[in-house]
Amino acid sequence: MESEDQMPGLLERLKAAREFLDRGDLQAAMAIYEDVLATDGDDADVLEAVSGDLGSTGNIAPIVELIAPRYVAERHGPAAGLNLLQAYLALGDPDGARHVLDVLAALNRPELEERLLGFGAAVSNLLETGEAAGIPGARPAAASSSSGTAVSISKPAWFYGLEPLAGLILPEKLGNLRRIAFTQLALPGAYPDVVAAMGKPEDEAGRLSRALPAWLAEAFHYSAQYAPVAAYAIANKADGSRHPVLFDSDWTVENLRQLVKTSSEGLDYIFTGFLTREGGGWALTLRLWEARKFRERRQFMARWTPETADVALAGFRDELCRFMESRPLPAPGGGVGRPSGSPLAWLEVLGASLGLFLAGKQLAPAALLGPVGPALRELEAMAAADPVAALAWLTTDARVRELGIDRGGAAERTALADHPVVAQARRLLAGAG
């Protein structure tokens, strides 16, 4: 890297090139990049910045032209190589993609394992069909709609309807909070036709792809330093209807830019990721991004089966909180604390609660929701002892009634925790009904 005296000049030139790209002047940007690479073409950060800015603005061919002759995986690390790999795939060049995939695999970096498996599948698909469907990091598949909307939910989905009791349910936060987003997870390879899958009732994969970000965001609602949101994509169809989007690949830098633009108060960090089936369980990869630089900082991975889920998921959540230096807040005075019990059961609850919330806001057709019976039964088992589960049962029950959804055999009444806030919530929702 250049010395500190030279650094501002380099950064200013890269910024100027990006501004040309944003204005559609590729020729001017290329002139700057060629000048920069002539002197700093062996700098890993420079290769990453150039390839990332070109890719996020849709200028794919220049990535191969500028980066391929200079990139050496052992010296420059994986970031620029991943951008180059995606460029080869987008250009329909399986030989170039396979070469970069091989040199990245030779780095033996465990955190890259899941992504490289996905890229390997994309290369194979390119060879077989001529299309690189499901490229991790490519733009999410578009539904048959005219446009899309990003929806950010700033409170736990089960909380909505209890706003007058906010001071007794969610902890008060003061000071300069860091804003963090957990985006809907991609599901590479989950569906032969992801657009067709969006028109069918929600399945386990789709529900988990939305529930896991909601669950992680919920953990940070009880943190002293963070203001979290869970971010989802909604397709606006030509006939005026809306429905949730399924992603077959991870969010791109351009997607992240759009998310930041739609955030009224800005973002400091963003988590993206993808979920894949693994035997009888699941494998999750999360990627942490600095929102100001759109630079990936770290990856986190978790694997679980139904038998190991509670321990694995709780450990994964705690690891994430430790890395982000999240300090838990106590419950409000006289109020309820954090959710307790099984993470796997609570994911079922959050998935159903989120779907009902979106349907109530006319952001998802009620007919496409998954069954709510399992979530109501999970809540019934927890609600007698856990005040938060009791609150979730009340709001979930209220939405089921409002939308006229089949309870799937779940009881219409259940024993709720003996807590004054639960009693107030019951009266509040009864009055609202």
Protein backbone atom coordinates (compact mmCIF):
# COMPACT_ATOMS: atom_id res chain seq x y z
CA MET A 1 0.00 0.00 0.00
CA GLU A 2 1.17 3.54 -0.56
CA SER A 3 2.60 5.61 2.28
CA GLU A 4 0.30 7.81 4.37
CA ASP A 5 1.41 10.86 2.35
CA GLN A 6 0.44 9.13 -0.90
CA MET A 7 -2.74 7.50 0.47
CA PRO A 8 -5.12 10.46 0.07
CA GLY A 9 -4.20 10.71 -3.60
CA LEU A 10 -4.95 7.05 -4.17
CA LEU A 11 -8.25 7.15 -2.33
CA GLU A 12 -9.29 10.32 -4.13
CA ARG A 13 -8.56 8.73 -7.50
CA LEU A 14 -10.58 5.62 -6.63
CA LYS A 15 -13.43 7.80 -5.41
CA ALA A 16 -13.32 9.83 -8.62
CA ALA A 17 -13.43 6.65 -10.70
CA ARG A 18 -16.47 5.44 -8.77
CA GLU A 19 -18.22 8.76 -9.38
CA PHE A 20 -17.60 8.37 -13.12
CA LEU A 21 -19.07 4.86 -12.96
CA ASP A 22 -22.15 6.15 -11.15
CA ARG A 23 -22.61 8.71 -13.94
CA GLY A 24 -22.21 6.01 -16.60
CA ASP A 25 -18.83 7.25 -17.88
CA LEU A 26 -16.90 3.98 -18.02
CA GLN A 27 -14.19 5.38 -20.29
CA ALA A 28 -13.20 8.07 -17.77
CA ALA A 29 -13.24 5.55 -14.92
CA MET A 30 -11.08 3.11 -16.88
CA ALA A 31 -8.49 5.81 -17.52
CA ILE A 32 -8.16 6.34 -13.77
CA TYR A 33 -8.08 2.62 -13.00
CA GLU A 34 -5.34 1.97 -15.55
CA ASP A 35 -3.28 4.76 -14.01
CA VAL A 36 -3.86 3.48 -10.47
CA LEU A 37 -3.09 -0.13 -11.37
CA ALA A 38 0.12 0.86 -13.13
CA THR A 39 1.54 1.90 -9.76
CA ASP A 40 -0.59 -0.01 -7.22
CA GLY A 41 -1.69 -3.06 -9.16
CA ASP A 42 -0.16 -5.44 -6.63
CA ASP A 43 -2.14 -4.01 -3.69
CA ALA A 44 -4.92 -6.38 -2.55
CA ASP A 45 -7.14 -3.56 -1.30
CA VAL A 46 -6.86 -1.75 -4.63
CA LEU A 47 -7.77 -4.88 -6.60
CA GLU A 48 -10.74 -5.46 -4.32
CA ALA A 49 -11.93 -1.85 -4.61
CA VAL A 50 -11.61 -1.70 -8.39
CA SER A 51 -13.32 -5.05 -9.00
CA GLY A 52 -16.03 -4.34 -6.44
CA ASP A 53 -16.95 -0.93 -7.86
CA LEU A 54 -16.97 -2.23 -11.42
CA GLY A 55 -19.16 -5.19 -10.46
CA SER A 56 -21.65 -3.21 -8.36
CA THR A 57 -22.21 -0.80 -11.27
CA GLY A 58 -22.75 -3.60 -13.79
CA ASN A 59 -19.42 -3.24 -15.63
CA ILE A 60 -18.44 -6.90 -15.69
CA ALA A 61 -16.08 -7.31 -18.64
CA PRO A 62 -13.57 -4.69 -17.36
CA ILE A 63 -13.12 -6.76 -14.18
CA VAL A 64 -11.60 -9.57 -16.23
CA GLU A 65 -9.61 -7.12 -18.35
CA LEU A 66 -8.05 -5.31 -15.37
CA ILE A 67 -7.93 -7.85 -12.55
CA ALA A 68 -7.25 -11.23 -14.20
CA PRO A 69 -3.68 -10.36 -15.38
CA ARG A 70 -2.73 -9.12 -11.89
CA TYR A 71 -4.54 -11.39 -9.44
CA VAL A 72 -2.46 -13.93 -7.46
CA ALA A 73 -4.55 -15.61 -4.78
CA GLU A 74 -1.68 -16.31 -2.34
CA ARG A 75 -0.62 -12.67 -2.41
CA HIS A 76 -3.91 -10.84 -2.79
CA GLY A 77 -6.28 -12.98 -0.74
CA PRO A 78 -9.83 -14.07 -1.64
CA ALA A 79 -11.84 -10.82 -1.97
CA ALA A 80 -10.74 -9.71 -5.45
CA GLY A 81 -10.68 -13.34 -6.56
CA LEU A 82 -14.32 -13.80 -5.62
CA ASN A 83 -15.22 -10.70 -7.64
CA LEU A 84 -13.24 -12.05 -10.58
CA LEU A 85 -14.91 -15.46 -10.29
CA GLN A 86 -18.36 -13.87 -10.38
CA ALA A 87 -17.34 -11.84 -13.42
CA TYR A 88 -16.30 -14.95 -15.35
CA LEU A 89 -19.59 -16.62 -14.47
CA ALA A 90 -21.63 -13.59 -15.46
CA LEU A 91 -19.77 -13.48 -18.79
CA GLY A 92 -20.44 -17.18 -19.41
CA ASP A 93 -16.77 -18.22 -19.28
CA PRO A 94 -16.62 -21.57 -17.41
CA ASP A 95 -12.89 -22.08 -18.07
CA GLY A 96 -11.94 -18.77 -16.51
CA ALA A 97 -14.34 -19.37 -13.63
CA ARG A 98 -12.97 -22.86 -13.00
CA HIS A 99 -9.39 -21.56 -12.92
CA VAL A 100 -10.18 -18.90 -10.32
CA LEU A 101 -12.28 -21.38 -8.33
CA ASP A 102 -9.31 -23.76 -8.20
CA VAL A 103 -6.83 -21.13 -7.01
CA LEU A 104 -9.27 -19.94 -4.33
CA ALA A 105 -9.83 -23.52 -3.16
CA ALA A 106 -6.05 -23.94 -2.90
CA LEU A 107 -5.99 -21.22 -0.21
CA ASN A 108 -7.62 -23.76 2.15
CA ARG A 109 -9.67 -21.08 3.93
CA PRO A 110 -12.47 -22.77 5.96
CA GLU A 111 -14.62 -19.64 5.88
CA LEU A 112 -14.77 -19.87 2.08
CA GLU A 113 -15.86 -23.51 1.94
CA GLU A 114 -19.62 -23.00 1.63
CA ARG A 115 -19.33 -20.18 -0.90
CA LEU A 116 -16.91 -22.10 -3.09
CA LEU A 117 -19.24 -25.09 -3.09
CA GLY A 118 -21.97 -22.80 -4.38
CA PHE A 119 -19.69 -21.37 -7.03
CA GLY A 120 -18.68 -24.89 -8.07
CA ALA A 121 -22.34 -25.73 -8.61
CA ALA A 122 -22.74 -22.56 -10.68
CA VAL A 123 -19.75 -23.50 -12.86
CA SER A 124 -21.19 -26.98 -13.42
CA ASN A 125 -24.56 -25.49 -14.32
CA LEU A 126 -22.87 -23.10 -16.74
CA LEU A 127 -21.14 -26.01 -18.47
CA GLU A 128 -24.35 -28.04 -18.69
CA THR A 129 -26.95 -25.39 -19.56
CA GLY A 130 -25.04 -22.29 -20.59
CA GLU A 131 -26.50 -20.39 -17.63
CA ALA A 132 -24.89 -19.63 -14.28
CA ALA A 133 -28.04 -19.81 -12.18
CA GLY A 134 -27.69 -19.46 -8.44
CA ILE A 135 -24.33 -17.68 -8.40
CA PRO A 136 -23.61 -16.77 -4.76
CA GLY A 137 -23.25 -13.02 -4.73
CA ALA A 138 -25.17 -12.44 -7.96
CA ARG A 139 -28.25 -10.26 -8.11
CA PRO A 140 -31.26 -11.99 -6.49
CA ALA A 141 -33.63 -13.64 -8.91
CA ALA A 142 -36.41 -11.34 -10.03
CA ALA A 143 -40.00 -12.38 -9.66
CA SER A 144 -42.60 -11.75 -12.33
CA SER A 145 -43.19 -8.25 -11.02
CA SER A 146 -42.62 -4.71 -12.13
CA SER A 147 -40.68 -3.60 -9.07
CA GLY A 148 -39.62 -4.53 -5.58
CA THR A 149 -39.72 -2.98 -2.12
CA ALA A 150 -37.35 -3.37 0.81
CA VAL A 151 -39.21 -3.74 4.11
CA SER A 152 -37.30 -3.18 7.34
CA ILE A 153 -38.91 -4.28 10.61
CA SER A 154 -37.47 -2.46 13.60
CA LYS A 155 -39.16 -4.43 16.41
CA PRO A 156 -39.84 -8.15 16.97
CA ALA A 157 -42.77 -9.17 14.76
CA TRP A 158 -44.73 -10.50 17.75
CA PHE A 159 -44.52 -7.08 19.47
CA TYR A 160 -46.67 -5.16 16.98
CA GLY A 161 -50.10 -4.45 18.44
CA LEU A 162 -48.59 -3.89 21.89
CA GLU A 163 -47.01 -0.48 21.20
CA PRO A 164 -48.74 1.25 24.17
CA LEU A 165 -46.89 -1.18 26.44
CA ALA A 166 -43.48 -0.68 24.79
CA GLY A 167 -41.87 0.65 27.97
CA LEU A 168 -42.75 -2.56 29.79
CA ILE A 169 -41.79 -4.97 27.02
CA LEU A 170 -38.66 -3.69 25.28
CA PRO A 171 -35.70 -2.19 27.14
CA GLU A 172 -35.09 1.55 26.91
CA LYS A 173 -31.97 2.54 24.98
CA LEU A 174 -30.07 5.78 25.31
CA GLY A 175 -27.04 7.31 23.64
CA ASN A 176 -25.52 6.92 20.21
CA LEU A 177 -26.73 3.55 18.95
CA ARG A 178 -25.10 1.52 16.20
CA ARG A 179 -27.59 0.58 13.51
CA ILE A 180 -27.41 -2.99 12.30
CA ALA A 181 -29.48 -4.88 9.69
CA PHE A 182 -30.01 -8.62 9.31
CA THR A 183 -31.17 -9.36 5.77
CA GLN A 184 -33.35 -12.17 4.52
CA LEU A 185 -31.22 -15.25 3.79
CA ALA A 186 -30.60 -16.63 0.32
CA LEU A 187 -31.49 -20.26 -0.46
CA PRO A 188 -29.09 -21.34 -3.23
CA GLY A 189 -30.19 -24.53 -4.93
CA ALA A 190 -33.35 -24.89 -2.85
CA TYR A 191 -35.77 -24.60 -5.79
CA PRO A 192 -35.58 -25.70 -9.44
CA ASP A 193 -37.55 -22.54 -10.31
CA VAL A 194 -37.32 -19.89 -7.61
CA VAL A 195 -39.87 -17.61 -9.28
CA ALA A 196 -42.44 -20.42 -9.39
CA ALA A 197 -41.69 -21.21 -5.73
CA MET A 198 -42.69 -17.67 -4.75
CA GLY A 199 -46.23 -18.39 -5.91
CA LYS A 200 -46.60 -21.45 -3.66
CA PRO A 201 -47.35 -21.66 0.08
CA GLU A 202 -44.36 -21.02 2.30
CA ASP A 203 -42.25 -24.09 3.06
CA GLU A 204 -39.66 -24.75 5.78
CA ALA A 205 -36.78 -23.26 3.81
CA GLY A 206 -38.65 -20.06 3.00
CA ARG A 207 -39.80 -19.61 6.57
CA LEU A 208 -36.31 -20.17 8.00
CA SER A 209 -34.81 -17.72 5.50
CA ARG A 210 -36.98 -15.01 7.08
CA ALA A 211 -37.17 -16.24 10.68
CA LEU A 212 -33.42 -16.50 11.27
CA PRO A 213 -32.72 -12.80 10.54
CA ALA A 214 -35.71 -11.89 12.75
CA TRP A 215 -34.31 -14.08 15.54
CA LEU A 216 -30.84 -12.56 15.34
CA ALA A 217 -32.24 -9.03 15.17
CA GLU A 218 -34.34 -9.83 18.24
CA ALA A 219 -31.19 -10.73 20.19
CA PHE A 220 -29.83 -7.25 19.47
CA HIS A 221 -33.08 -5.59 20.59
CA TYR A 222 -31.90 -6.49 24.09
CA SER A 223 -28.43 -4.98 23.51
CA ALA A 224 -27.31 -1.66 25.00
CA GLN A 225 -25.45 -0.44 21.91
CA TYR A 226 -27.52 -1.53 18.91
CA ALA A 227 -30.68 -0.56 17.06
CA PRO A 228 -31.39 -3.59 14.85
CA VAL A 229 -33.73 -4.17 11.92
CA ALA A 230 -34.65 -7.28 9.95
CA ALA A 231 -34.77 -6.54 6.21
CA TYR A 232 -36.92 -8.34 3.65
CA ALA A 233 -37.75 -7.97 -0.03
CA ILE A 234 -41.34 -7.68 -1.29
CA ALA A 235 -42.27 -8.01 -4.95
CA ASN A 236 -44.82 -5.55 -6.32
CA LYS A 237 -46.64 -7.41 -9.08
CA ALA A 238 -48.16 -5.80 -12.14
CA ASP A 239 -51.70 -6.66 -10.95
CA GLY A 240 -51.18 -4.62 -7.77
CA SER A 241 -50.63 -7.57 -5.45
CA ARG A 242 -47.49 -8.11 -3.37
CA HIS A 243 -45.67 -11.12 -2.06
CA PRO A 244 -42.35 -11.90 -0.33
CA VAL A 245 -39.35 -12.60 -2.55
CA LEU A 246 -37.22 -15.73 -2.34
CA PHE A 247 -33.50 -15.29 -2.98
CA ASP A 248 -31.43 -17.92 -4.75
CA SER A 249 -28.16 -16.04 -4.17
CA ASP A 250 -26.65 -13.71 -1.61
CA TRP A 251 -27.10 -9.95 -1.63
CA THR A 252 -24.71 -7.96 -3.82
CA VAL A 253 -22.94 -4.74 -2.86
CA GLU A 254 -25.44 -2.90 -5.02
CA ASN A 255 -28.32 -4.50 -3.09
CA LEU A 256 -26.66 -3.29 0.12
CA ARG A 257 -26.35 0.23 -1.26
CA GLN A 258 -30.07 0.20 -2.01
CA LEU A 259 -30.84 -1.04 1.49
CA VAL A 260 -28.78 1.75 3.05
CA LYS A 261 -30.53 4.33 0.85
CA THR A 262 -33.94 3.13 2.04
CA SER A 263 -32.90 3.28 5.71
CA SER A 264 -34.16 6.54 7.18
CA GLU A 265 -31.41 6.74 9.80
CA GLY A 266 -28.60 4.96 7.97
CA LEU A 267 -26.83 1.72 8.85
CA ASP A 268 -23.47 0.90 10.40
CA TYR A 269 -23.39 -2.87 9.84
CA ILE A 270 -25.26 -5.34 7.65
CA PHE A 271 -25.42 -9.12 7.92
CA THR A 272 -26.22 -11.07 4.76
CA GLY A 273 -26.02 -14.81 4.25
CA PHE A 274 -27.36 -18.01 2.85
CA LEU A 275 -28.88 -21.24 4.10
CA THR A 276 -28.44 -24.69 2.56
CA ARG A 277 -29.72 -28.15 3.40
CA GLU A 278 -27.06 -30.48 4.73
CA GLY A 279 -28.12 -34.07 5.24
CA GLY A 280 -31.00 -33.98 7.68
CA GLY A 281 -30.21 -30.47 8.85
CA TRP A 282 -29.08 -27.04 7.77
CA ALA A 283 -25.89 -25.06 7.21
CA LEU A 284 -25.90 -21.28 7.68
CA THR A 285 -23.26 -18.80 6.51
CA LEU A 286 -23.47 -15.17 7.60
CA ARG A 287 -21.36 -12.35 6.20
CA LEU A 288 -20.73 -9.16 8.18
CA TRP A 289 -20.38 -5.94 6.16
CA GLU A 290 -19.33 -2.45 7.15
CA ALA A 291 -22.11 -0.37 5.67
CA ARG A 292 -20.02 2.75 5.07
CA LYS A 293 -17.38 1.00 2.96
CA PHE A 294 -19.49 -1.96 1.79
CA ARG A 295 -16.58 -4.15 2.77
CA GLU A 296 -16.98 -7.67 4.11
CA ARG A 297 -15.34 -8.02 7.51
CA ARG A 298 -15.97 -11.60 8.58
CA GLN A 299 -17.96 -14.76 8.01
CA PHE A 300 -19.76 -16.87 10.61
CA MET A 301 -20.97 -20.44 10.09
CA ALA A 302 -23.33 -22.79 11.89
CA ARG A 303 -24.62 -26.30 11.24
CA TRP A 304 -27.44 -28.12 12.98
CA THR A 305 -29.86 -31.02 12.83
CA PRO A 306 -33.19 -31.20 14.67
CA GLU A 307 -31.37 -32.98 17.51
CA THR A 308 -28.53 -30.45 17.84
CA ALA A 309 -30.40 -27.29 16.84
CA ASP A 310 -30.99 -25.70 20.24
CA VAL A 311 -27.37 -25.97 21.39
CA ALA A 312 -25.90 -25.06 18.00
CA LEU A 313 -28.18 -22.08 17.40
CA ALA A 314 -27.79 -20.68 20.92
CA GLY A 315 -24.00 -20.98 20.63
CA PHE A 316 -24.04 -19.31 17.22
CA ARG A 317 -26.15 -16.40 18.49
CA ASP A 318 -23.88 -15.96 21.52
CA GLU A 319 -20.76 -16.03 19.32
CA LEU A 320 -22.23 -13.29 17.15
CA CYS A 321 -23.11 -11.15 20.16
CA ARG A 322 -19.62 -11.57 21.63
CA PHE A 323 -17.94 -10.59 18.37
CA MET A 324 -20.13 -7.48 18.09
CA GLU A 325 -19.43 -6.73 21.79
CA SER A 326 -23.14 -6.66 22.50
CA ARG A 327 -23.97 -5.94 26.14
CA PRO A 328 -27.39 -7.27 27.24
CA LEU A 329 -29.81 -4.87 28.89
CA PRO A 330 -31.94 -5.77 31.93
CA ALA A 331 -35.69 -6.00 31.58
CA PRO A 332 -37.65 -2.76 32.08
CA GLY A 333 -38.71 -2.15 35.67
CA GLY A 334 -41.84 -4.17 36.30
CA GLY A 335 -41.72 -5.48 32.75
CA VAL A 336 -40.88 -8.70 30.95
CA GLY A 337 -37.44 -9.99 30.04
CA ARG A 338 -36.02 -11.69 26.98
CA PRO A 339 -37.55 -14.80 25.38
CA SER A 340 -36.43 -18.05 26.97
CA GLY A 341 -36.60 -21.66 25.96
CA SER A 342 -35.82 -23.50 22.75
CA PRO A 343 -34.30 -21.47 19.88
CA LEU A 344 -35.73 -23.92 17.35
CA ALA A 345 -39.24 -23.58 18.79
CA TRP A 346 -38.90 -19.80 18.90
CA LEU A 347 -37.86 -19.73 15.24
CA GLU A 348 -41.17 -21.46 14.44
CA VAL A 349 -42.95 -18.76 16.41
CA LEU A 350 -41.09 -15.88 14.76
CA GLY A 351 -41.61 -17.31 11.29
CA ALA A 352 -45.37 -17.53 11.77
CA SER A 353 -45.58 -14.17 13.52
CA LEU A 354 -43.64 -12.47 10.74
CA GLY A 355 -45.80 -14.04 8.03
CA LEU A 356 -48.99 -12.95 9.80
CA PHE A 357 -47.60 -9.44 10.27
CA LEU A 358 -46.78 -9.14 6.55
CA ALA A 359 -50.19 -10.49 5.60
CA GLY A 360 -51.86 -8.00 7.93
CA LYS A 361 -49.97 -5.19 6.20
CA GLN A 362 -51.01 -6.61 2.78
CA LEU A 363 -47.38 -7.37 1.95
CA ALA A 364 -48.04 -11.10 1.62
CA PRO A 365 -51.15 -13.03 0.56
CA ALA A 366 -52.60 -14.94 3.50
CA ALA A 367 -53.05 -17.92 1.16
CA LEU A 368 -49.25 -18.23 0.81
CA LEU A 369 -48.54 -18.37 4.53
CA GLY A 370 -47.29 -21.59 5.99
CA PRO A 371 -49.44 -23.40 8.58
CA VAL A 372 -49.75 -21.53 11.88
CA GLY A 373 -50.77 -24.55 13.95
CA PRO A 374 -47.20 -25.62 14.83
CA ALA A 375 -46.30 -22.11 16.04
CA LEU A 376 -49.46 -21.84 18.15
CA ARG A 377 -48.74 -25.22 19.72
CA GLU A 378 -45.15 -24.20 20.48
CA LEU A 379 -46.46 -21.02 22.08
CA GLU A 380 -49.06 -22.95 24.06
CA ALA A 381 -46.27 -25.07 25.54
CA MET A 382 -44.22 -22.00 26.53
CA ALA A 383 -46.83 -19.37 27.36
CA ALA A 384 -47.69 -20.57 30.86
CA ALA A 385 -44.15 -19.98 32.13
CA ASP A 386 -42.60 -17.36 29.81
CA PRO A 387 -44.22 -13.88 29.72
CA VAL A 388 -42.71 -13.09 26.30
CA ALA A 389 -44.17 -16.30 24.86
CA ALA A 390 -47.52 -15.32 26.40
CA LEU A 391 -47.36 -11.94 24.67
CA ALA A 392 -46.45 -13.62 21.39
CA TRP A 393 -49.40 -16.01 21.79
CA LEU A 394 -51.76 -13.07 22.28
CA THR A 395 -50.60 -11.13 19.21
CA THR A 396 -50.38 -14.26 17.05
CA ASP A 397 -53.87 -15.35 18.12
CA ALA A 398 -55.22 -11.86 17.40
CA ARG A 399 -53.78 -11.87 13.86
CA VAL A 400 -55.05 -15.37 13.14
CA ARG A 401 -58.54 -14.25 14.12
CA GLU A 402 -58.29 -11.00 12.19
CA LEU A 403 -57.16 -12.74 8.99
CA GLY A 404 -59.54 -15.69 9.41
CA ILE A 405 -56.72 -18.23 9.11
CA ASP A 406 -57.15 -21.90 9.96
CA ARG A 407 -55.61 -22.65 13.35
CA GLY A 408 -54.52 -26.10 12.20
CA GLY A 409 -56.07 -27.83 15.19
CA ALA A 410 -54.37 -25.54 17.73
CA ALA A 411 -56.39 -24.60 20.84
CA GLU A 412 -58.25 -21.30 20.87
CA ARG A 413 -57.39 -20.65 24.52
CA THR A 414 -54.35 -21.45 26.59
CA ALA A 415 -52.92 -20.80 30.04
CA LEU A 416 -50.79 -17.64 30.06
CA ALA A 417 -48.02 -16.57 32.45
CA ASP A 418 -49.29 -14.80 35.55
CA HIS A 419 -47.65 -11.44 34.90
CA PRO A 420 -49.16 -7.93 35.07
CA VAL A 421 -47.88 -6.99 31.61
CA VAL A 422 -49.52 -10.09 30.12
CA ALA A 423 -52.80 -9.10 31.78
CA GLN A 424 -52.51 -5.57 30.36
CA ALA A 425 -51.74 -6.96 26.89
CA ARG A 426 -54.80 -9.22 27.04
CA ARG A 427 -57.02 -6.23 27.88
CA LEU A 428 -55.40 -4.08 25.21
CA LEU A 429 -55.90 -6.60 22.44
CA ALA A 430 -59.44 -7.41 23.59
CA GLY A 431 -60.26 -3.71 23.34
CA ALA A 432 -58.65 -3.47 19.90
CA GLY A 433 -60.76 -6.39 18.70
